Protein backbone atom coordinates (compact mmCIF):
# COMPACT_ATOMS: atom_id res chain seq x y z
CA UNK A 1 110.31 126.75 112.26
CA UNK A 2 110.68 130.23 110.78
CA UNK A 3 109.38 131.63 107.53
CA UNK A 4 112.05 131.84 104.81
CA UNK A 5 113.40 135.39 104.30
CA UNK A 6 112.99 135.13 100.52
CA UNK A 7 109.30 134.44 101.02
CA UNK A 8 108.92 137.35 103.42
CA UNK A 9 110.25 139.60 100.68
CA UNK A 10 107.73 138.13 98.25
CA UNK A 11 104.73 138.52 100.58
CA UNK A 12 104.22 141.28 103.09
CA UNK A 13 104.01 140.07 106.65
CA UNK A 14 100.31 140.86 106.79
CA UNK A 15 99.53 139.05 103.55
CA UNK A 16 101.59 136.04 104.54
CA UNK A 17 99.88 135.83 107.89
CA UNK A 18 96.43 136.02 106.35
CA UNK A 19 97.26 133.51 103.63
CA UNK A 20 98.78 130.93 105.95
CA UNK A 21 96.02 131.30 108.50
CA UNK A 22 93.57 130.18 105.84
CA UNK A 23 95.49 126.96 105.23
CA UNK A 24 95.67 123.76 107.24
CA UNK A 25 98.75 122.73 109.25
CA UNK A 26 100.13 120.76 106.31
CA UNK A 27 100.19 123.77 104.00
CA UNK A 28 101.40 126.15 106.72
CA UNK A 29 104.32 123.88 107.55
CA UNK A 30 105.15 123.49 103.87
CA UNK A 31 105.85 127.21 103.76
CA UNK A 32 108.38 127.07 106.60
CA UNK A 33 112.07 126.54 105.89
CA UNK A 34 115.43 126.93 107.55
CA UNK A 35 116.77 130.52 107.69
CA UNK A 36 118.12 131.52 104.30
CA UNK A 37 121.46 132.61 105.78
CA UNK A 38 122.20 128.98 106.64
CA UNK A 39 122.44 127.83 103.02
CA UNK A 40 123.79 129.20 99.74
CA UNK A 41 121.48 131.35 97.62
CA UNK A 42 119.76 129.42 94.82
CA UNK A 43 119.31 131.02 91.41
CA UNK A 44 116.65 128.92 89.64
CA UNK A 45 115.99 128.73 85.90
CA UNK A 46 113.28 130.86 84.28
CA UNK A 47 111.06 127.79 83.95
CA UNK A 48 110.85 124.49 85.79
CA UNK A 49 108.76 121.68 84.25
CA UNK A 50 108.10 118.78 86.61
CA UNK A 51 106.64 115.43 85.63
CA UNK A 52 104.83 113.30 88.18
CA UNK A 53 102.38 110.44 88.56
CA UNK A 54 99.78 109.57 91.18
CA UNK A 55 102.31 107.57 93.19
CA UNK A 56 104.54 110.65 93.63
CA UNK A 57 103.30 111.59 97.10
CA UNK A 58 106.01 114.13 97.88
CA UNK A 59 105.63 115.87 94.53
CA UNK A 60 101.85 116.03 94.91
CA UNK A 61 102.17 117.68 98.33
CA UNK A 62 104.74 120.17 97.04
CA UNK A 63 102.50 120.94 94.08
CA UNK A 64 99.36 121.39 96.15
CA UNK A 65 101.10 123.58 98.75
CA UNK A 66 102.71 125.70 95.98
CA UNK A 67 105.98 125.51 97.90
CA UNK A 68 108.14 125.83 94.77
CA UNK A 69 106.09 128.68 93.36
CA UNK A 70 106.63 130.58 96.59
CA UNK A 71 110.27 129.67 96.93
CA UNK A 72 110.96 130.70 93.32
CA UNK A 73 108.42 133.46 92.57
CA UNK A 74 110.20 134.51 89.37
CA UNK A 75 110.25 130.98 87.94
CA UNK A 76 107.40 129.59 85.85
CA UNK A 77 106.74 126.21 87.48
CA UNK A 78 104.74 123.73 85.39
CA UNK A 79 103.37 120.38 86.58
CA UNK A 80 102.60 117.63 84.07
CA UNK A 81 100.91 114.38 85.11
CA UNK A 82 101.74 111.06 83.41
CA UNK A 83 100.29 107.55 83.81
CA UNK A 84 103.69 105.93 84.43
CA UNK A 85 107.45 106.41 84.38
CA UNK A 86 108.29 105.45 80.77
CA UNK A 87 106.13 108.25 79.41
CA UNK A 88 107.87 110.73 81.70
CA UNK A 89 111.34 109.76 80.54
CA UNK A 90 110.23 110.02 76.92
CA UNK A 91 109.09 113.58 77.62
CA UNK A 92 112.31 114.30 79.49
CA UNK A 93 114.39 113.06 76.57
CA UNK A 94 112.29 115.08 74.12
CA UNK A 95 113.06 118.28 76.01
CA UNK A 96 109.54 118.69 77.40
CA UNK A 97 110.43 118.10 81.07
CA UNK A 98 113.17 119.21 83.46
CA UNK A 99 112.42 116.76 86.29
CA UNK A 100 110.87 113.28 86.20
CA UNK A 101 109.92 110.77 88.89
CA UNK A 102 109.86 107.04 88.11
CA UNK A 103 110.42 103.59 89.49
CA UNK A 104 113.48 101.43 88.95
CA UNK A 105 112.90 100.06 85.45
CA UNK A 106 112.17 103.08 83.18
CA UNK A 107 115.70 104.51 83.49
CA UNK A 108 117.24 101.16 82.54
CA UNK A 109 115.29 101.12 79.28
CA UNK A 110 116.02 104.82 78.72
CA UNK A 111 119.76 104.40 79.27
CA UNK A 112 119.85 101.38 76.98
CA UNK A 113 118.16 103.53 74.31
CA UNK A 114 120.86 106.18 74.66
CA UNK A 115 118.75 108.82 76.43
CA UNK A 116 120.87 111.60 77.94
CA UNK A 117 119.57 111.68 81.51
CA UNK A 118 120.92 111.72 85.04
CA UNK A 119 119.82 110.01 88.23
CA UNK A 120 119.69 112.90 90.68
CA UNK A 121 117.76 111.63 93.72
CA UNK A 122 116.22 108.56 95.33
CA UNK A 123 113.52 107.70 97.85
CA UNK A 124 113.73 104.62 100.11
CA UNK A 125 112.56 101.23 98.77
CA UNK A 126 108.83 100.47 98.82
CA UNK A 127 108.59 96.71 98.17
CA UNK A 128 105.09 96.43 99.64
CA UNK A 129 103.73 99.06 97.25
CA UNK A 130 103.63 96.80 94.20
CA UNK A 131 102.05 93.42 93.56
CA UNK A 132 101.13 90.72 91.08
CA UNK A 133 97.34 90.49 91.22
CA UNK A 134 95.00 87.67 90.21
CA UNK A 135 91.25 87.74 89.64
CA UNK A 136 89.36 86.65 92.72
CA UNK A 137 88.28 83.37 91.13
CA UNK A 138 91.69 82.48 89.70
CA UNK A 139 92.95 78.94 90.23
CA UNK A 140 96.61 80.01 90.08
CA UNK A 141 98.43 79.42 93.35
CA UNK A 142 102.15 79.95 92.78
CA UNK A 143 104.44 82.07 90.63
CA UNK A 144 105.24 78.94 88.62
CA UNK A 145 101.57 78.78 87.65
CA UNK A 146 102.03 81.92 85.53
CA UNK A 147 103.53 79.77 82.77
CA UNK A 148 101.66 80.36 79.53
CA UNK A 149 99.37 82.94 81.11
CA UNK A 150 98.42 86.41 79.90
CA UNK A 151 100.13 88.86 82.25
CA UNK A 152 99.42 92.58 81.97
CA UNK A 153 102.03 95.22 82.73
CA UNK A 154 103.20 98.64 81.63
CA UNK A 155 106.22 97.94 79.43
CA UNK A 156 109.43 99.36 80.88
CA UNK A 157 107.81 100.19 84.23
CA UNK A 158 108.70 98.99 87.71
CA UNK A 159 106.02 96.32 87.26
CA UNK A 160 108.07 94.93 84.38
CA UNK A 161 110.93 94.07 86.73
CA UNK A 162 108.49 92.82 89.37
CA UNK A 163 107.15 90.32 86.83
CA UNK A 164 110.64 89.34 85.63
CA UNK A 165 111.79 88.78 89.21
CA UNK A 166 108.64 86.89 90.15
CA UNK A 167 108.97 84.58 87.17
CA UNK A 168 112.58 83.87 88.05
CA UNK A 169 111.57 82.97 91.60
CA UNK A 170 108.97 80.63 90.13
CA UNK A 171 111.56 78.92 87.92
CA UNK A 172 110.34 80.65 84.76
CA UNK A 173 111.61 83.27 82.33
CA UNK A 174 109.80 86.13 80.64
CA UNK A 175 109.50 83.97 77.51
CA UNK A 176 107.26 81.58 79.48
CA UNK A 177 104.35 84.04 79.70
CA UNK A 178 102.23 86.02 77.27
CA UNK A 179 102.98 89.64 78.20
CA UNK A 180 100.16 92.09 77.54
CA UNK A 181 101.52 95.63 77.52
CA UNK A 182 98.92 98.06 78.86
CA UNK A 183 98.82 101.34 80.76
CA UNK A 184 97.50 101.02 84.32
CA UNK A 185 94.02 102.26 83.37
CA UNK A 186 93.72 99.91 80.40
CA UNK A 187 95.09 97.02 82.44
CA UNK A 188 92.51 97.60 85.17
CA UNK A 189 89.73 97.44 82.57
CA UNK A 190 91.17 94.25 81.05
CA UNK A 191 91.55 92.74 84.52
CA UNK A 192 87.91 93.39 85.34
CA UNK A 193 86.77 91.98 81.98
CA UNK A 194 88.73 88.78 82.57
CA UNK A 195 90.90 89.39 79.49
CA UNK A 196 94.12 88.78 81.42
CA UNK A 197 95.20 86.17 83.94
CA UNK A 198 97.46 88.33 86.11
CA UNK A 199 98.52 91.94 86.46
CA UNK A 200 101.72 93.54 87.74
CA UNK A 201 100.93 96.95 89.22
CA UNK A 202 101.96 99.52 91.81
CA UNK A 203 100.23 101.90 94.22
CA UNK A 204 97.89 103.71 94.15
CA UNK A 205 96.44 101.60 91.31
CA UNK A 206 97.12 98.50 93.41
CA UNK A 207 95.29 99.95 96.42
CA UNK A 208 92.36 101.18 94.34
CA UNK A 209 91.93 97.75 92.76
CA UNK A 210 92.19 95.99 96.12
CA UNK A 211 89.37 98.03 97.57
CA UNK A 212 87.17 97.97 94.48
CA UNK A 213 87.20 94.34 93.39
CA UNK A 214 89.12 92.37 96.03
CA UNK A 215 91.66 90.62 93.79
CA UNK A 216 93.95 87.90 95.07
CA UNK A 217 97.55 88.96 95.69
CA UNK A 218 99.90 86.35 94.21
CA UNK A 219 103.01 88.21 95.39
CA UNK A 220 104.12 91.65 96.50
CA UNK A 221 107.47 93.19 95.74
CA UNK A 222 108.91 91.96 99.03
CA UNK A 223 111.68 89.55 98.17
CA UNK A 224 111.27 90.30 94.46
CA UNK A 225 111.88 94.00 93.89
CA UNK A 226 113.09 96.82 96.11
CA UNK A 227 110.85 99.16 94.12
CA UNK A 228 113.10 102.20 94.48
CA UNK A 229 111.79 105.55 93.27
CA UNK A 230 114.15 107.94 91.49
CA UNK A 231 114.26 111.53 90.31
CA UNK A 232 115.80 112.39 86.95
CA UNK A 233 116.81 115.42 84.94
CA UNK A 234 118.48 115.83 81.55
CA UNK A 235 122.28 115.80 81.86
CA UNK A 236 122.54 119.48 80.90
CA UNK A 237 119.99 120.49 83.54
CA UNK A 238 121.90 118.63 86.27
CA UNK A 239 125.13 120.33 85.20
CA UNK A 240 123.63 123.82 85.06
CA UNK A 241 121.02 123.79 87.83
CA UNK A 242 122.31 121.55 90.60
CA UNK A 243 121.37 124.13 93.24
CA UNK A 244 117.77 124.07 92.02
CA UNK A 245 117.71 120.27 92.19
CA UNK A 246 118.98 120.46 95.77
CA UNK A 247 116.33 123.05 96.68
CA UNK A 248 113.65 120.81 95.19
CA UNK A 249 114.90 117.95 97.35
CA UNK A 250 114.65 120.13 100.45
CA UNK A 251 111.02 120.88 99.64
CA UNK A 252 110.25 117.23 98.83
CA UNK A 253 111.79 115.97 102.07
CA UNK A 254 109.87 118.63 103.98
CA UNK A 255 106.70 117.43 102.26
CA UNK A 256 107.48 113.87 103.34
CA UNK A 257 107.84 114.93 106.96
CA UNK A 258 104.47 116.60 106.71
CA UNK A 259 102.91 113.41 105.36
CA UNK A 260 104.27 111.50 108.35
CA UNK A 261 103.19 114.13 110.88
CA UNK A 262 99.84 115.15 109.34
CA UNK A 263 98.65 111.92 107.71
CA UNK A 264 94.96 112.81 107.83
CA UNK A 265 95.32 116.17 106.08
CA UNK A 266 97.90 114.81 103.63
CA UNK A 267 95.57 111.98 102.65
CA UNK A 268 92.70 114.39 102.11
CA UNK A 269 94.82 116.65 99.92
CA UNK A 270 96.04 113.72 97.82
CA UNK A 271 92.47 112.42 97.47
CA UNK A 272 91.17 115.85 96.46
CA UNK A 273 93.90 116.27 93.87
CA UNK A 274 93.92 112.76 92.42
CA UNK A 275 90.24 111.85 92.50
CA UNK A 276 91.13 108.70 94.43
CA UNK A 277 88.92 107.71 97.33
CA UNK A 278 90.17 108.64 100.77
CA UNK A 279 90.23 104.94 101.69
CA UNK A 280 92.48 104.22 98.70
CA UNK A 281 94.89 106.97 99.70
CA UNK A 282 95.05 105.78 103.30
CA UNK A 283 95.73 102.22 102.13
CA UNK A 284 98.60 103.11 99.84
CA UNK A 285 100.08 105.53 102.37
CA UNK A 286 100.01 102.72 104.95
CA UNK A 287 102.41 100.75 102.73
CA UNK A 288 104.68 103.72 102.11
CA UNK A 289 107.62 104.15 104.52
CA UNK A 290 109.00 107.59 105.38
CA UNK A 291 110.40 108.76 102.05
CA UNK A 292 112.80 111.71 102.25
CA UNK A 293 114.65 112.46 99.02
CA UNK A 294 118.40 111.98 99.06
CA UNK A 295 121.26 111.94 96.54
CA UNK A 296 121.49 108.55 94.89
CA UNK A 297 123.22 106.00 97.11
CA UNK A 298 125.64 103.25 96.16
CA UNK A 299 123.11 100.71 97.46
CA UNK A 300 120.40 102.04 95.16
CA UNK A 301 122.74 101.96 92.16
CA UNK A 302 123.83 98.41 92.99
CA UNK A 303 120.15 97.44 92.92
CA UNK A 304 119.73 99.29 89.62
CA UNK A 305 122.62 97.31 88.17
CA UNK A 306 120.82 94.13 89.18
CA UNK A 307 117.70 95.34 87.37
CA UNK A 308 119.70 96.27 84.27
CA UNK A 309 121.56 92.96 84.20
CA UNK A 310 118.29 91.04 84.47
CA UNK A 311 116.76 92.81 81.48
CA UNK A 312 119.90 92.49 79.39
CA UNK A 313 120.24 88.82 80.27
CA UNK A 314 116.72 88.24 78.95
CA UNK A 315 117.40 90.20 75.77
CA UNK A 316 114.79 92.81 76.72
CA UNK A 317 117.21 95.73 76.33
CA UNK A 318 119.60 95.98 73.37
CA UNK A 319 122.86 96.48 75.27
CA UNK A 320 124.32 96.27 78.76
CA UNK A 321 124.20 99.49 80.78
CA UNK A 322 125.94 100.80 83.87
CA UNK A 323 123.63 103.07 85.88
CA UNK A 324 126.60 104.30 87.94
CA UNK A 325 127.84 106.17 84.87
CA UNK A 326 124.87 108.54 84.81
CA UNK A 327 124.52 109.56 88.46
CA UNK A 328 124.64 113.25 89.39
CA UNK A 329 127.18 114.07 92.11
CA UNK A 330 126.12 117.08 94.20
CA UNK A 331 128.69 119.46 95.66
CA UNK A 332 128.99 120.02 99.43
CA UNK A 333 127.16 123.33 99.00
CA UNK A 334 124.33 121.59 97.17
CA UNK A 335 124.10 118.98 99.90
CA UNK A 336 123.70 121.82 102.39
CA UNK A 337 120.82 123.23 100.33
CA UNK A 338 119.15 119.81 100.16
CA UNK A 339 119.37 119.40 103.93
CA UNK A 340 117.95 122.85 104.72
């Protein structure tokens, strides 16, 4: 790969060589892109505020490699960490974020609440990266056994749909359990205290809990929830800065390739950034398939409609929604940028 011409203008050749030599292969590769002449020029906004959570592997790698800061040296790039998706979409709707990364359920609740957002990108499904956990000594054996039990989850998160889908498979509805709405950190504490009977959660919290206290896994997302991951922007941002979105996707997909090709270094970087143990990072990466970022597919939106219909059918959102109505459609030129 060659170094991007824009970056050569930003750094002198000597400085670039010295800087990249000091970095590992993951970071060096993150600074390599297709020749700039192959794609349209991107004019980014003056600031770019990106929300992420610990499960956002591609975003974490892009952040740690400073790929966006080097691609857009005149843009003030800000990174804001959140415990889960619902909090990100609240910040997005409040005008505090330009880009958010969440699972499948937060946008359904946001759309039902009238939030003005757009689906702009998707990663492949990760059904093995979420689970319904039980304390090690639990006597529960099947999903049907959750009836009447205290089940912890982050309201409006991907775990919410995992629980809804699991209950349906067990012949139950959401009204058959006692939901306990907690953030992942608070749910982990309640789980260890024995204050809850089950917990719906996703990686890396799932992996960290597995290694720390050896819970029983009642069910994973396989057969219950595709567990798609989506990228969002406000509608106005998607309309005005589609080229920037496409450039972000190029960097994110490059980061994903680096995770696949340099797993050891990627895991160490994620562990260093997140404070998670290296064993936890390796475990949750082992459940994560290759995850390039692409424009939202019809298959992903069909799955989102299934999620939305399930929540509306249970009366958990106030009105029916059609996710297909709020999907960003990139131009051919923007697709070329995203593929670069």
